[in-house]
Amino acid sequence: MKLRARTGRVLEMRNIKGASYKLALAGIVINENMKQLLIIGLIYLFVTSCVSKKTGTNNTIIKDKQIEKEISNNPKYIPLSHFNGDTLKYLTTNFTSHKEFYQGKGLNVLLQDLELPVKEFKTGVNARDINISPGLSLKFYNRDIEEKKIKERKNPLVLYVIWQIPLPEDDVTSIIRTTHGYWNNQANNYFRQFKIKEIGMVAPNY
């Protein structure tokens, strides 16, 4: 009886050890599965961050070189990275030399291709009719930097668009008052819907 009892205890201990071992293995499997899920999740986040665009107030700016051409609306568009920091050449090449692509389309189409963040904006008043605003100037430098560029007789980089149908001056003035001329979501959401008639660069008189 004692032997059986001891044997029974030994068997019982073995069963306990076996169960513990199985639980340990299960824990390892669970941990491995968790690791795999974590790795998959990190890979997913990395991929989505690469193919996503950098969100800017002037719409979205492309980050990944491999998808630049795919996302760009203009088939003749050349990415900013190809211009070796020459932003003036980038603007003239893509938006004034190929302005015919954007003419008749909403400003949002141009903004989707534009990789330079718009800092500020200005609007004009029609000399014949002060109740309408014929166009919009997009600025890529802050005011202090723009003034410095002008003093140094450098191009201040101002891209302008003329609307197919002039905008009500009252509406435009209201946007300017609330944004103080800074290009933010409010300005973007308002102007992006209007169709472009003409595109050009402001040429300094020096």
N, C-alpha and C. Protein backbone atom coordinates (compact mmCIF):
# COMPACT_ATOMS: atom_id res chain seq x y z
N MET A 1 0.84 -1.21 0.00
CA MET A 1 0.00 0.00 0.00
C MET A 1 0.87 1.25 0.00
N LYS A 2 1.93 1.20 0.79
CA LYS A 2 2.83 2.34 0.84
C LYS A 2 3.49 2.58 -0.51
N LEU A 3 3.88 1.42 -1.15
CA LEU A 3 4.54 1.54 -2.44
C LEU A 3 3.59 2.13 -3.47
N ARG A 4 2.37 1.59 -3.38
CA ARG A 4 1.38 2.12 -4.32
C ARG A 4 1.12 3.60 -4.07
N ALA A 5 1.10 3.88 -2.79
CA ALA A 5 0.85 5.28 -2.45
C ALA A 5 1.97 6.16 -2.96
N ARG A 6 3.21 5.67 -2.75
CA ARG A 6 4.36 6.43 -3.25
C ARG A 6 4.34 6.50 -4.77
N THR A 7 4.03 5.34 -5.36
CA THR A 7 3.97 5.30 -6.83
C THR A 7 2.90 6.24 -7.34
N GLY A 8 1.78 6.23 -6.63
CA GLY A 8 0.69 7.14 -7.01
C GLY A 8 1.11 8.58 -6.91
N ARG A 9 1.86 8.89 -5.86
CA ARG A 9 2.34 10.27 -5.72
C ARG A 9 3.32 10.63 -6.81
N VAL A 10 4.18 9.66 -7.13
CA VAL A 10 5.14 9.90 -8.20
C VAL A 10 4.42 10.15 -9.50
N LEU A 11 3.41 9.30 -9.77
CA LEU A 11 2.63 9.47 -11.00
C LEU A 11 1.90 10.80 -10.98
N GLU A 12 1.38 11.14 -9.78
CA GLU A 12 0.65 12.39 -9.65
C GLU A 12 1.58 13.57 -9.90
N MET A 13 2.80 13.47 -9.35
CA MET A 13 3.78 14.54 -9.56
C MET A 13 4.17 14.63 -11.02
N ARG A 14 4.30 13.45 -11.65
CA ARG A 14 4.66 13.45 -13.06
C ARG A 14 3.55 14.10 -13.89
N ASN A 15 2.31 13.77 -13.51
CA ASN A 15 1.18 14.38 -14.22
C ASN A 15 1.17 15.89 -14.06
N ILE A 16 1.49 16.33 -12.82
CA ILE A 16 1.54 17.77 -12.56
C ILE A 16 2.65 18.42 -13.37
N LYS A 17 3.81 17.76 -13.37
CA LYS A 17 4.94 18.29 -14.16
C LYS A 17 4.60 18.31 -15.64
N GLY A 18 3.93 17.24 -16.11
CA GLY A 18 3.53 17.18 -17.52
C GLY A 18 2.57 18.29 -17.88
N ALA A 19 1.62 18.54 -16.98
CA ALA A 19 0.65 19.62 -17.22
C ALA A 19 1.34 20.97 -17.24
N SER A 20 2.28 21.13 -16.30
CA SER A 20 3.02 22.40 -16.26
C SER A 20 3.83 22.60 -17.53
N TYR A 21 4.41 21.52 -18.01
CA TYR A 21 5.20 21.59 -19.22
C TYR A 21 4.34 21.97 -20.43
N LYS A 22 3.12 21.34 -20.45
CA LYS A 22 2.20 21.66 -21.55
C LYS A 22 1.78 23.11 -21.49
N LEU A 23 1.50 23.58 -20.26
CA LEU A 23 1.12 24.98 -20.10
C LEU A 23 2.25 25.91 -20.53
N ALA A 24 3.48 25.52 -20.18
CA ALA A 24 4.64 26.31 -20.56
C ALA A 24 4.77 26.37 -22.08
N LEU A 25 4.58 25.19 -22.73
CA LEU A 25 4.63 25.17 -24.19
C LEU A 25 3.53 26.03 -24.79
N ALA A 26 2.34 25.96 -24.20
CA ALA A 26 1.23 26.77 -24.69
C ALA A 26 1.56 28.25 -24.55
N GLY A 27 2.20 28.58 -23.42
CA GLY A 27 2.60 29.98 -23.21
C GLY A 27 3.59 30.43 -24.25
N ILE A 28 4.54 29.53 -24.59
CA ILE A 28 5.53 29.86 -25.61
C ILE A 28 4.86 30.10 -26.95
N VAL A 29 3.90 29.18 -27.27
CA VAL A 29 3.18 29.31 -28.54
C VAL A 29 2.41 30.62 -28.59
N ILE A 30 1.74 30.94 -27.46
CA ILE A 30 0.98 32.19 -27.40
C ILE A 30 1.90 33.39 -27.56
N ASN A 31 3.05 33.33 -26.85
CA ASN A 31 4.01 34.42 -26.95
C ASN A 31 4.52 34.58 -28.38
N GLU A 32 4.81 33.44 -29.03
CA GLU A 32 5.29 33.48 -30.41
C GLU A 32 4.22 34.07 -31.32
N ASN A 33 2.96 33.66 -31.09
CA ASN A 33 1.87 34.20 -31.90
C ASN A 33 1.72 35.70 -31.69
N MET A 34 1.85 36.12 -30.43
CA MET A 34 1.77 37.54 -30.13
C MET A 34 2.89 38.31 -30.81
N LYS A 35 4.09 37.71 -30.79
CA LYS A 35 5.23 38.35 -31.45
C LYS A 35 4.98 38.49 -32.95
N GLN A 36 4.43 37.41 -33.55
CA GLN A 36 4.15 37.45 -34.98
C GLN A 36 3.12 38.52 -35.31
N LEU A 37 2.05 38.58 -34.46
CA LEU A 37 1.03 39.60 -34.67
C LEU A 37 1.61 41.00 -34.53
N LEU A 38 2.50 41.17 -33.54
CA LEU A 38 3.13 42.46 -33.32
C LEU A 38 3.99 42.85 -34.51
N ILE A 39 4.77 41.88 -35.02
CA ILE A 39 5.64 42.14 -36.18
C ILE A 39 4.80 42.51 -37.39
N ILE A 40 3.70 41.75 -37.60
CA ILE A 40 2.80 42.03 -38.74
C ILE A 40 2.21 43.43 -38.61
N GLY A 41 1.82 43.76 -37.37
CA GLY A 41 1.24 45.10 -37.13
C GLY A 41 2.23 46.20 -37.41
N LEU A 42 3.51 46.01 -36.97
CA LEU A 42 4.54 47.02 -37.22
C LEU A 42 4.83 47.15 -38.70
N ILE A 43 4.87 46.02 -39.42
CA ILE A 43 5.10 46.06 -40.86
C ILE A 43 3.98 46.81 -41.55
N TYR A 44 2.73 46.55 -41.12
CA TYR A 44 1.57 47.24 -41.71
C TYR A 44 1.65 48.74 -41.51
N LEU A 45 2.01 49.15 -40.27
CA LEU A 45 2.12 50.58 -39.99
C LEU A 45 3.22 51.22 -40.82
N PHE A 46 4.34 50.49 -40.98
CA PHE A 46 5.46 51.02 -41.77
C PHE A 46 5.07 51.20 -43.22
N VAL A 47 4.39 50.18 -43.79
CA VAL A 47 4.00 50.24 -45.19
C VAL A 47 2.99 51.34 -45.43
N THR A 48 1.99 51.44 -44.54
CA THR A 48 0.97 52.47 -44.73
C THR A 48 1.55 53.86 -44.57
N SER A 49 2.56 54.00 -43.69
CA SER A 49 3.17 55.32 -43.53
C SER A 49 4.00 55.69 -44.74
N CYS A 50 4.56 54.69 -45.41
CA CYS A 50 5.37 54.96 -46.61
C CYS A 50 4.50 55.36 -47.79
N VAL A 51 3.37 54.69 -47.95
CA VAL A 51 2.52 54.96 -49.11
C VAL A 51 1.58 56.11 -48.86
N SER A 52 1.48 56.53 -47.62
CA SER A 52 0.61 57.66 -47.35
C SER A 52 1.29 58.95 -47.74
N LYS A 53 0.50 60.01 -47.83
CA LYS A 53 1.06 61.31 -48.16
C LYS A 53 1.17 62.14 -46.91
N LYS A 54 2.11 63.01 -46.95
CA LYS A 54 2.26 63.94 -45.85
C LYS A 54 1.14 64.97 -45.93
N THR A 55 0.38 65.05 -44.87
CA THR A 55 -0.73 65.96 -44.89
C THR A 55 -0.27 67.37 -44.65
N GLY A 56 -0.66 68.28 -45.54
CA GLY A 56 -0.36 69.68 -45.39
C GLY A 56 -1.61 70.50 -45.57
N THR A 57 -1.57 71.77 -45.18
CA THR A 57 -2.76 72.59 -45.31
C THR A 57 -3.04 72.93 -46.76
N ASN A 58 -2.06 72.76 -47.67
CA ASN A 58 -2.31 73.01 -49.08
C ASN A 58 -2.67 71.72 -49.79
N ASN A 59 -3.25 70.78 -49.09
CA ASN A 59 -3.69 69.47 -49.57
C ASN A 59 -2.68 68.43 -49.11
N THR A 60 -2.31 67.48 -49.96
CA THR A 60 -1.43 66.42 -49.53
C THR A 60 -0.15 66.43 -50.33
N ILE A 61 0.95 66.14 -49.67
CA ILE A 61 2.26 66.17 -50.31
C ILE A 61 2.85 64.77 -50.31
N ILE A 62 3.33 64.33 -51.45
CA ILE A 62 3.80 62.96 -51.62
C ILE A 62 5.17 62.76 -50.97
N LYS A 63 5.35 61.62 -50.32
CA LYS A 63 6.61 61.32 -49.65
C LYS A 63 7.39 60.23 -50.37
N ASP A 64 6.74 59.15 -50.78
CA ASP A 64 7.45 58.00 -51.32
C ASP A 64 7.72 58.20 -52.81
N LYS A 65 8.99 58.12 -53.21
CA LYS A 65 9.37 58.37 -54.59
C LYS A 65 8.74 57.36 -55.53
N GLN A 66 8.54 56.12 -55.07
CA GLN A 66 8.03 55.09 -55.94
C GLN A 66 6.58 55.31 -56.35
N ILE A 67 5.84 56.07 -55.56
CA ILE A 67 4.43 56.28 -55.89
C ILE A 67 4.15 57.72 -56.32
N GLU A 68 5.21 58.54 -56.42
CA GLU A 68 5.00 59.93 -56.80
C GLU A 68 4.30 60.05 -58.14
N LYS A 69 4.78 59.32 -59.13
CA LYS A 69 4.22 59.43 -60.47
C LYS A 69 2.81 58.87 -60.51
N GLU A 70 2.54 57.84 -59.72
CA GLU A 70 1.23 57.21 -59.71
C GLU A 70 0.18 58.14 -59.13
N ILE A 71 0.53 58.84 -58.05
CA ILE A 71 -0.43 59.69 -57.37
C ILE A 71 -0.60 61.03 -58.09
N SER A 72 0.46 61.52 -58.69
CA SER A 72 0.41 62.82 -59.36
C SER A 72 -0.67 62.83 -60.43
N ASN A 73 -1.43 63.92 -60.48
CA ASN A 73 -2.47 64.07 -61.50
C ASN A 73 -1.87 64.35 -62.87
N ASN A 74 -0.88 65.23 -62.90
CA ASN A 74 -0.28 65.64 -64.17
C ASN A 74 0.71 64.57 -64.66
N PRO A 75 0.46 63.98 -65.82
CA PRO A 75 1.37 62.92 -66.31
C PRO A 75 2.77 63.44 -66.62
N LYS A 76 2.92 64.77 -66.81
CA LYS A 76 4.23 65.36 -67.09
C LYS A 76 4.90 65.90 -65.83
N TYR A 77 4.29 65.65 -64.71
CA TYR A 77 4.81 66.19 -63.44
C TYR A 77 6.17 65.57 -63.09
N ILE A 78 7.09 66.44 -62.66
CA ILE A 78 8.42 65.99 -62.23
C ILE A 78 8.56 66.28 -60.74
N PRO A 79 8.88 65.27 -59.91
CA PRO A 79 8.96 65.45 -58.46
C PRO A 79 9.99 66.49 -58.05
N LEU A 80 9.73 67.11 -56.92
CA LEU A 80 10.61 68.14 -56.37
C LEU A 80 12.03 67.63 -56.15
N SER A 81 12.16 66.38 -55.78
CA SER A 81 13.48 65.81 -55.48
C SER A 81 14.41 65.80 -56.70
N HIS A 82 13.85 65.95 -57.89
CA HIS A 82 14.66 65.93 -59.11
C HIS A 82 15.29 67.28 -59.43
N PHE A 83 14.97 68.31 -58.66
CA PHE A 83 15.43 69.66 -58.99
C PHE A 83 16.59 70.14 -58.11
N ASN A 84 17.10 69.28 -57.26
CA ASN A 84 18.26 69.61 -56.42
C ASN A 84 18.11 70.92 -55.66
N GLY A 85 16.93 71.12 -55.10
CA GLY A 85 16.69 72.30 -54.28
C GLY A 85 16.31 73.55 -55.04
N ASP A 86 16.23 73.49 -56.36
CA ASP A 86 15.85 74.66 -57.17
C ASP A 86 14.32 74.74 -57.21
N THR A 87 13.74 75.41 -56.23
CA THR A 87 12.28 75.46 -56.12
C THR A 87 11.65 76.31 -57.21
N LEU A 88 12.35 77.35 -57.67
CA LEU A 88 11.82 78.17 -58.75
C LEU A 88 11.67 77.36 -60.03
N LYS A 89 12.68 76.59 -60.35
CA LYS A 89 12.62 75.75 -61.54
C LYS A 89 11.54 74.68 -61.39
N TYR A 90 11.39 74.17 -60.19
CA TYR A 90 10.35 73.17 -59.92
C TYR A 90 8.96 73.75 -60.22
N LEU A 91 8.71 74.97 -59.75
CA LEU A 91 7.40 75.61 -59.94
C LEU A 91 7.15 75.95 -61.41
N THR A 92 8.15 76.54 -62.07
CA THR A 92 7.96 76.93 -63.46
C THR A 92 7.82 75.71 -64.38
N THR A 93 8.60 74.67 -64.11
CA THR A 93 8.55 73.48 -64.95
C THR A 93 7.21 72.77 -64.87
N ASN A 94 6.71 72.63 -63.66
CA ASN A 94 5.49 71.85 -63.46
C ASN A 94 4.19 72.63 -63.61
N PHE A 95 4.20 73.90 -63.22
CA PHE A 95 2.92 74.60 -63.12
C PHE A 95 2.73 75.76 -64.09
N THR A 96 3.79 76.32 -64.62
CA THR A 96 3.61 77.35 -65.65
C THR A 96 3.89 76.78 -67.04
N SER A 97 4.89 75.95 -67.15
CA SER A 97 5.18 75.34 -68.46
C SER A 97 4.10 74.33 -68.86
N HIS A 98 3.46 73.72 -67.87
CA HIS A 98 2.40 72.73 -68.14
C HIS A 98 1.07 73.21 -67.57
N LYS A 99 0.84 74.50 -67.64
CA LYS A 99 -0.37 75.06 -67.05
C LYS A 99 -1.64 74.58 -67.75
N GLU A 100 -1.51 74.19 -69.03
CA GLU A 100 -2.70 73.75 -69.77
C GLU A 100 -3.38 72.56 -69.12
N PHE A 101 -2.61 71.76 -68.38
CA PHE A 101 -3.20 70.60 -67.71
C PHE A 101 -4.16 71.05 -66.60
N TYR A 102 -3.80 72.13 -65.91
CA TYR A 102 -4.58 72.58 -64.76
C TYR A 102 -5.70 73.55 -65.14
N GLN A 103 -5.61 74.14 -66.31
CA GLN A 103 -6.62 75.08 -66.73
C GLN A 103 -7.97 74.38 -66.92
N GLY A 104 -9.00 74.98 -66.33
CA GLY A 104 -10.33 74.38 -66.39
C GLY A 104 -10.60 73.40 -65.26
N LYS A 105 -9.59 73.15 -64.43
CA LYS A 105 -9.75 72.25 -63.28
C LYS A 105 -9.74 73.06 -61.98
N GLY A 106 -10.23 72.43 -60.92
CA GLY A 106 -10.24 73.08 -59.63
C GLY A 106 -8.83 73.25 -59.07
N LEU A 107 -8.67 74.22 -58.20
CA LEU A 107 -7.36 74.46 -57.58
C LEU A 107 -6.86 73.21 -56.83
N ASN A 108 -7.78 72.40 -56.35
CA ASN A 108 -7.39 71.20 -55.60
C ASN A 108 -6.53 70.26 -56.44
N VAL A 109 -6.71 70.25 -57.76
CA VAL A 109 -5.90 69.39 -58.63
C VAL A 109 -4.45 69.85 -58.61
N LEU A 110 -4.25 71.15 -58.67
CA LEU A 110 -2.90 71.70 -58.58
C LEU A 110 -2.30 71.43 -57.21
N LEU A 111 -3.10 71.61 -56.18
CA LEU A 111 -2.60 71.42 -54.81
C LEU A 111 -2.20 69.97 -54.55
N GLN A 112 -2.85 69.04 -55.21
CA GLN A 112 -2.51 67.63 -55.04
C GLN A 112 -1.11 67.33 -55.56
N ASP A 113 -0.71 68.04 -56.63
CA ASP A 113 0.63 67.84 -57.19
C ASP A 113 1.69 68.65 -56.45
N LEU A 114 1.29 69.77 -55.90
CA LEU A 114 2.24 70.70 -55.29
C LEU A 114 2.91 70.11 -54.05
N GLU A 115 4.23 70.01 -54.09
CA GLU A 115 4.98 69.45 -52.96
C GLU A 115 5.50 70.51 -52.00
N LEU A 116 5.46 71.76 -52.41
CA LEU A 116 5.90 72.84 -51.52
C LEU A 116 4.72 73.28 -50.66
N PRO A 117 4.89 73.38 -49.36
CA PRO A 117 3.79 73.85 -48.51
C PRO A 117 3.53 75.34 -48.70
N VAL A 118 2.27 75.69 -48.90
CA VAL A 118 1.91 77.10 -49.03
C VAL A 118 1.89 77.72 -47.64
N LYS A 119 2.57 78.84 -47.49
CA LYS A 119 2.64 79.54 -46.20
C LYS A 119 1.56 80.59 -46.06
N GLU A 120 1.44 81.44 -47.09
CA GLU A 120 0.48 82.54 -47.04
C GLU A 120 -0.15 82.73 -48.40
N PHE A 121 -1.14 83.61 -48.46
CA PHE A 121 -1.79 83.88 -49.73
C PHE A 121 -2.24 85.34 -49.79
N LYS A 122 -2.46 85.80 -51.02
CA LYS A 122 -3.00 87.13 -51.25
C LYS A 122 -4.05 87.04 -52.35
N THR A 123 -4.98 87.97 -52.34
CA THR A 123 -5.98 88.03 -53.40
C THR A 123 -5.94 89.42 -54.02
N GLY A 124 -6.50 89.50 -55.21
CA GLY A 124 -6.51 90.78 -55.90
C GLY A 124 -7.93 91.30 -56.08
N VAL A 125 -8.03 92.58 -56.39
CA VAL A 125 -9.32 93.21 -56.65
C VAL A 125 -9.33 93.70 -58.09
N ASN A 126 -10.45 93.48 -58.75
CA ASN A 126 -10.60 93.93 -60.14
C ASN A 126 -10.70 95.45 -60.18
N ALA A 127 -9.87 96.08 -61.03
CA ALA A 127 -9.86 97.54 -61.10
C ALA A 127 -11.18 98.09 -61.63
N ARG A 128 -11.86 97.32 -62.44
CA ARG A 128 -13.12 97.78 -63.03
C ARG A 128 -14.32 97.47 -62.13
N ASP A 129 -14.18 96.44 -61.32
CA ASP A 129 -15.29 96.06 -60.45
C ASP A 129 -14.72 95.63 -59.10
N ILE A 130 -14.84 96.47 -58.13
CA ILE A 130 -14.24 96.19 -56.81
C ILE A 130 -15.02 95.13 -56.04
N ASN A 131 -16.09 94.65 -56.58
CA ASN A 131 -16.91 93.65 -55.90
C ASN A 131 -16.49 92.22 -56.23
N ILE A 132 -15.50 92.06 -57.10
CA ILE A 132 -15.05 90.71 -57.45
C ILE A 132 -13.55 90.59 -57.28
N SER A 133 -13.10 89.36 -57.02
CA SER A 133 -11.68 89.06 -56.84
C SER A 133 -11.25 88.12 -57.96
N PRO A 134 -10.36 88.57 -58.84
CA PRO A 134 -10.02 87.78 -60.04
C PRO A 134 -9.05 86.63 -59.84
N GLY A 135 -8.23 86.69 -58.78
CA GLY A 135 -7.20 85.67 -58.66
C GLY A 135 -6.67 85.48 -57.26
N LEU A 136 -5.70 84.58 -57.17
CA LEU A 136 -5.12 84.19 -55.88
C LEU A 136 -3.62 84.01 -56.05
N SER A 137 -2.84 84.54 -55.10
CA SER A 137 -1.39 84.34 -55.09
C SER A 137 -1.00 83.42 -53.95
N LEU A 138 -0.25 82.37 -54.28
CA LEU A 138 0.21 81.41 -53.28
C LEU A 138 1.68 81.71 -52.96
N LYS A 139 1.96 81.87 -51.69
CA LYS A 139 3.32 82.21 -51.25
C LYS A 139 3.94 81.04 -50.48
N PHE A 140 5.22 80.82 -50.74
CA PHE A 140 5.92 79.68 -50.15
C PHE A 140 6.95 80.11 -49.10
N TYR A 141 7.01 81.39 -48.83
CA TYR A 141 7.85 81.92 -47.76
C TYR A 141 6.98 82.70 -46.77
N ASN A 142 7.38 82.69 -45.51
CA ASN A 142 6.74 83.56 -44.54
C ASN A 142 7.08 85.02 -44.85
N ARG A 143 6.33 85.94 -44.28
CA ARG A 143 6.46 87.35 -44.64
C ARG A 143 7.86 87.90 -44.41
N ASP A 144 8.46 87.55 -43.29
CA ASP A 144 9.79 88.08 -43.00
C ASP A 144 10.83 87.55 -43.99
N ILE A 145 10.71 86.28 -44.35
CA ILE A 145 11.66 85.69 -45.30
C ILE A 145 11.42 86.26 -46.69
N GLU A 146 10.16 86.46 -47.04
CA GLU A 146 9.83 87.04 -48.35
C GLU A 146 10.42 88.44 -48.48
N GLU A 147 10.29 89.24 -47.44
CA GLU A 147 10.85 90.59 -47.46
C GLU A 147 12.38 90.55 -47.61
N LYS A 148 12.98 89.61 -46.93
CA LYS A 148 14.44 89.45 -47.03
C LYS A 148 14.85 89.06 -48.45
N LYS A 149 14.09 88.18 -49.07
CA LYS A 149 14.38 87.77 -50.45
C LYS A 149 14.29 88.96 -51.40
N ILE A 150 13.27 89.78 -51.19
CA ILE A 150 13.09 90.96 -52.05
C ILE A 150 14.24 91.94 -51.87
N LYS A 151 14.66 92.16 -50.63
CA LYS A 151 15.78 93.06 -50.37
C LYS A 151 17.06 92.54 -51.02
N GLU A 152 17.21 91.23 -51.05
CA GLU A 152 18.38 90.61 -51.65
C GLU A 152 18.24 90.43 -53.16
N ARG A 153 17.13 90.96 -53.71
CA ARG A 153 16.82 90.86 -55.12
C ARG A 153 16.76 89.41 -55.61
N LYS A 154 16.17 88.59 -54.78
CA LYS A 154 15.96 87.19 -55.13
C LYS A 154 14.46 86.96 -55.36
N ASN A 155 14.15 85.92 -56.13
CA ASN A 155 12.76 85.64 -56.44
C ASN A 155 12.01 85.21 -55.18
N PRO A 156 10.91 85.88 -54.84
CA PRO A 156 10.18 85.53 -53.61
C PRO A 156 9.28 84.31 -53.74
N LEU A 157 9.24 83.71 -54.93
CA LEU A 157 8.43 82.51 -55.19
C LEU A 157 6.95 82.73 -54.88
N VAL A 158 6.28 83.39 -55.79
CA VAL A 158 4.84 83.61 -55.67
C VAL A 158 4.16 83.06 -56.92
N LEU A 159 3.36 82.04 -56.74
CA LEU A 159 2.62 81.42 -57.84
C LEU A 159 1.18 81.96 -57.81
N TYR A 160 0.73 82.49 -58.93
CA TYR A 160 -0.62 83.04 -58.93
C TYR A 160 -1.54 82.27 -59.89
N VAL A 161 -2.82 82.28 -59.58
CA VAL A 161 -3.83 81.69 -60.45
C VAL A 161 -4.93 82.72 -60.69
N ILE A 162 -5.45 82.74 -61.90
CA ILE A 162 -6.60 83.56 -62.26
C ILE A 162 -7.81 82.63 -62.38
N TRP A 163 -8.91 83.00 -61.78
CA TRP A 163 -10.09 82.14 -61.77
C TRP A 163 -10.87 82.24 -63.09
N GLN A 164 -11.50 81.15 -63.46
CA GLN A 164 -12.39 81.19 -64.61
C GLN A 164 -13.54 82.16 -64.37
N ILE A 165 -14.08 82.09 -63.16
CA ILE A 165 -15.14 83.01 -62.76
C ILE A 165 -14.65 83.73 -61.51
N PRO A 166 -14.53 85.05 -61.55
CA PRO A 166 -14.06 85.81 -60.38
C PRO A 166 -14.92 85.53 -59.15
N LEU A 167 -14.30 85.63 -57.99
CA LEU A 167 -14.99 85.32 -56.73
C LEU A 167 -15.57 86.59 -56.12
N PRO A 168 -16.63 86.44 -55.34
CA PRO A 168 -17.20 87.60 -54.64
C PRO A 168 -16.19 88.19 -53.66
N GLU A 169 -15.93 89.46 -53.78
CA GLU A 169 -14.93 90.11 -52.93
C GLU A 169 -15.30 90.03 -51.46
N ASP A 170 -16.57 90.08 -51.13
CA ASP A 170 -17.01 90.00 -49.74
C ASP A 170 -16.61 88.67 -49.11
N ASP A 171 -16.79 87.58 -49.85
CA ASP A 171 -16.42 86.25 -49.34
C ASP A 171 -14.91 86.14 -49.15
N VAL A 172 -14.17 86.64 -50.13
CA VAL A 172 -12.71 86.59 -50.07
C VAL A 172 -12.19 87.42 -48.90
N THR A 173 -12.76 88.60 -48.72
CA THR A 173 -12.36 89.48 -47.61
C THR A 173 -12.62 88.82 -46.27
N SER A 174 -13.74 88.11 -46.17
CA SER A 174 -14.07 87.39 -44.93
C SER A 174 -13.02 86.33 -44.61
N ILE A 175 -12.57 85.60 -45.64
CA ILE A 175 -11.54 84.57 -45.45
C ILE A 175 -10.22 85.21 -45.01
N ILE A 176 -9.87 86.32 -45.62
CA ILE A 176 -8.62 87.00 -45.27
C ILE A 176 -8.66 87.49 -43.83
N ARG A 177 -9.78 88.00 -43.40
CA ARG A 177 -9.90 88.51 -42.03
C ARG A 177 -9.76 87.40 -41.00
N THR A 178 -10.33 86.26 -41.28
CA THR A 178 -10.29 85.16 -40.30
C THR A 178 -8.96 84.40 -40.32
N THR A 179 -8.30 84.38 -41.47
CA THR A 179 -7.02 83.64 -41.58
C THR A 179 -5.81 84.55 -41.45
N HIS A 180 -6.03 85.86 -41.57
CA HIS A 180 -4.94 86.86 -41.55
C HIS A 180 -3.94 86.62 -42.68
N GLY A 181 -4.42 86.01 -43.76
CA GLY A 181 -3.56 85.79 -44.92
C GLY A 181 -2.71 84.54 -44.84
N TYR A 182 -2.86 83.75 -43.77
CA TYR A 182 -2.10 82.51 -43.64
C TYR A 182 -2.89 81.36 -44.28
N TRP A 183 -2.16 80.52 -45.00
CA TRP A 183 -2.81 79.40 -45.69
C TRP A 183 -3.06 78.27 -44.70
N ASN A 184 -4.30 78.16 -44.27
CA ASN A 184 -4.66 77.09 -43.34
C ASN A 184 -5.80 76.29 -43.93
N ASN A 185 -6.40 75.42 -43.12
CA ASN A 185 -7.46 74.55 -43.62
C ASN A 185 -8.67 75.35 -44.11
N GLN A 186 -8.97 76.43 -43.44
CA GLN A 186 -10.11 77.24 -43.86
C GLN A 186 -9.89 77.84 -45.24
N ALA A 187 -8.71 78.39 -45.46
CA ALA A 187 -8.40 78.96 -46.77
C ALA A 187 -8.36 77.87 -47.84
N ASN A 188 -7.74 76.77 -47.50
CA ASN A 188 -7.64 75.65 -48.43
C ASN A 188 -9.02 75.14 -48.84
N ASN A 189 -9.88 74.92 -47.86
CA ASN A 189 -11.21 74.38 -48.14
C ASN A 189 -12.07 75.33 -48.96
N TYR A 190 -11.82 76.62 -48.82
CA TYR A 190 -12.60 77.59 -49.59
C TYR A 190 -12.11 77.69 -51.03
N PHE A 191 -10.83 77.92 -51.23
CA PHE A 191 -10.30 78.21 -52.57
C PHE A 191 -10.16 76.97 -53.45
N ARG A 192 -9.98 75.83 -52.89
CA ARG A 192 -9.67 74.64 -53.67
C ARG A 192 -10.76 74.24 -54.66
N GLN A 193 -11.97 74.69 -54.43
CA GLN A 193 -13.10 74.27 -55.27
C GLN A 193 -13.20 75.06 -56.58
N PHE A 194 -12.53 76.21 -56.68
CA PHE A 194 -12.72 77.09 -57.82
C PHE A 194 -11.79 76.73 -58.98
N LYS A 195 -12.30 76.90 -60.20
CA LYS A 195 -11.59 76.47 -61.40
C LYS A 195 -10.59 77.52 -61.89
N ILE A 196 -9.49 77.01 -62.42
CA ILE A 196 -8.36 77.85 -62.85
C ILE A 196 -8.49 78.23 -64.32
N LYS A 197 -8.25 79.51 -64.60
CA LYS A 197 -8.20 80.00 -65.99
C LYS A 197 -6.75 80.19 -66.45
N GLU A 198 -5.91 80.71 -65.56
CA GLU A 198 -4.52 81.03 -65.90
C GLU A 198 -3.62 80.79 -64.71
N ILE A 199 -2.36 80.43 -65.01
CA ILE A 199 -1.34 80.21 -63.96
C ILE A 199 -0.07 80.95 -64.36
N GLY A 200 0.59 81.55 -63.39
CA GLY A 200 1.85 82.23 -63.68
C GLY A 200 2.66 82.44 -62.42
N MET A 201 3.88 82.92 -62.61
CA MET A 201 4.75 83.30 -61.49
C MET A 201 4.90 84.80 -61.48
N VAL A 202 4.84 85.37 -60.27
CA VAL A 202 5.06 86.81 -60.12
C VAL A 202 6.52 87.11 -60.42
N ALA A 203 6.77 87.98 -61.40
CA ALA A 203 8.14 88.32 -61.79
C ALA A 203 8.58 89.59 -61.09
N PRO A 204 9.63 89.54 -60.29
CA PRO A 204 10.13 90.75 -59.61
C PRO A 204 10.60 91.80 -60.62
N ASN A 205 10.45 93.07 -60.27
CA ASN A 205 10.88 94.17 -61.15
C ASN A 205 12.32 94.59 -60.86
N TYR A 206 13.20 93.64 -60.67
CA TYR A 206 14.61 93.98 -60.45
C TYR A 206 15.48 92.91 -61.09
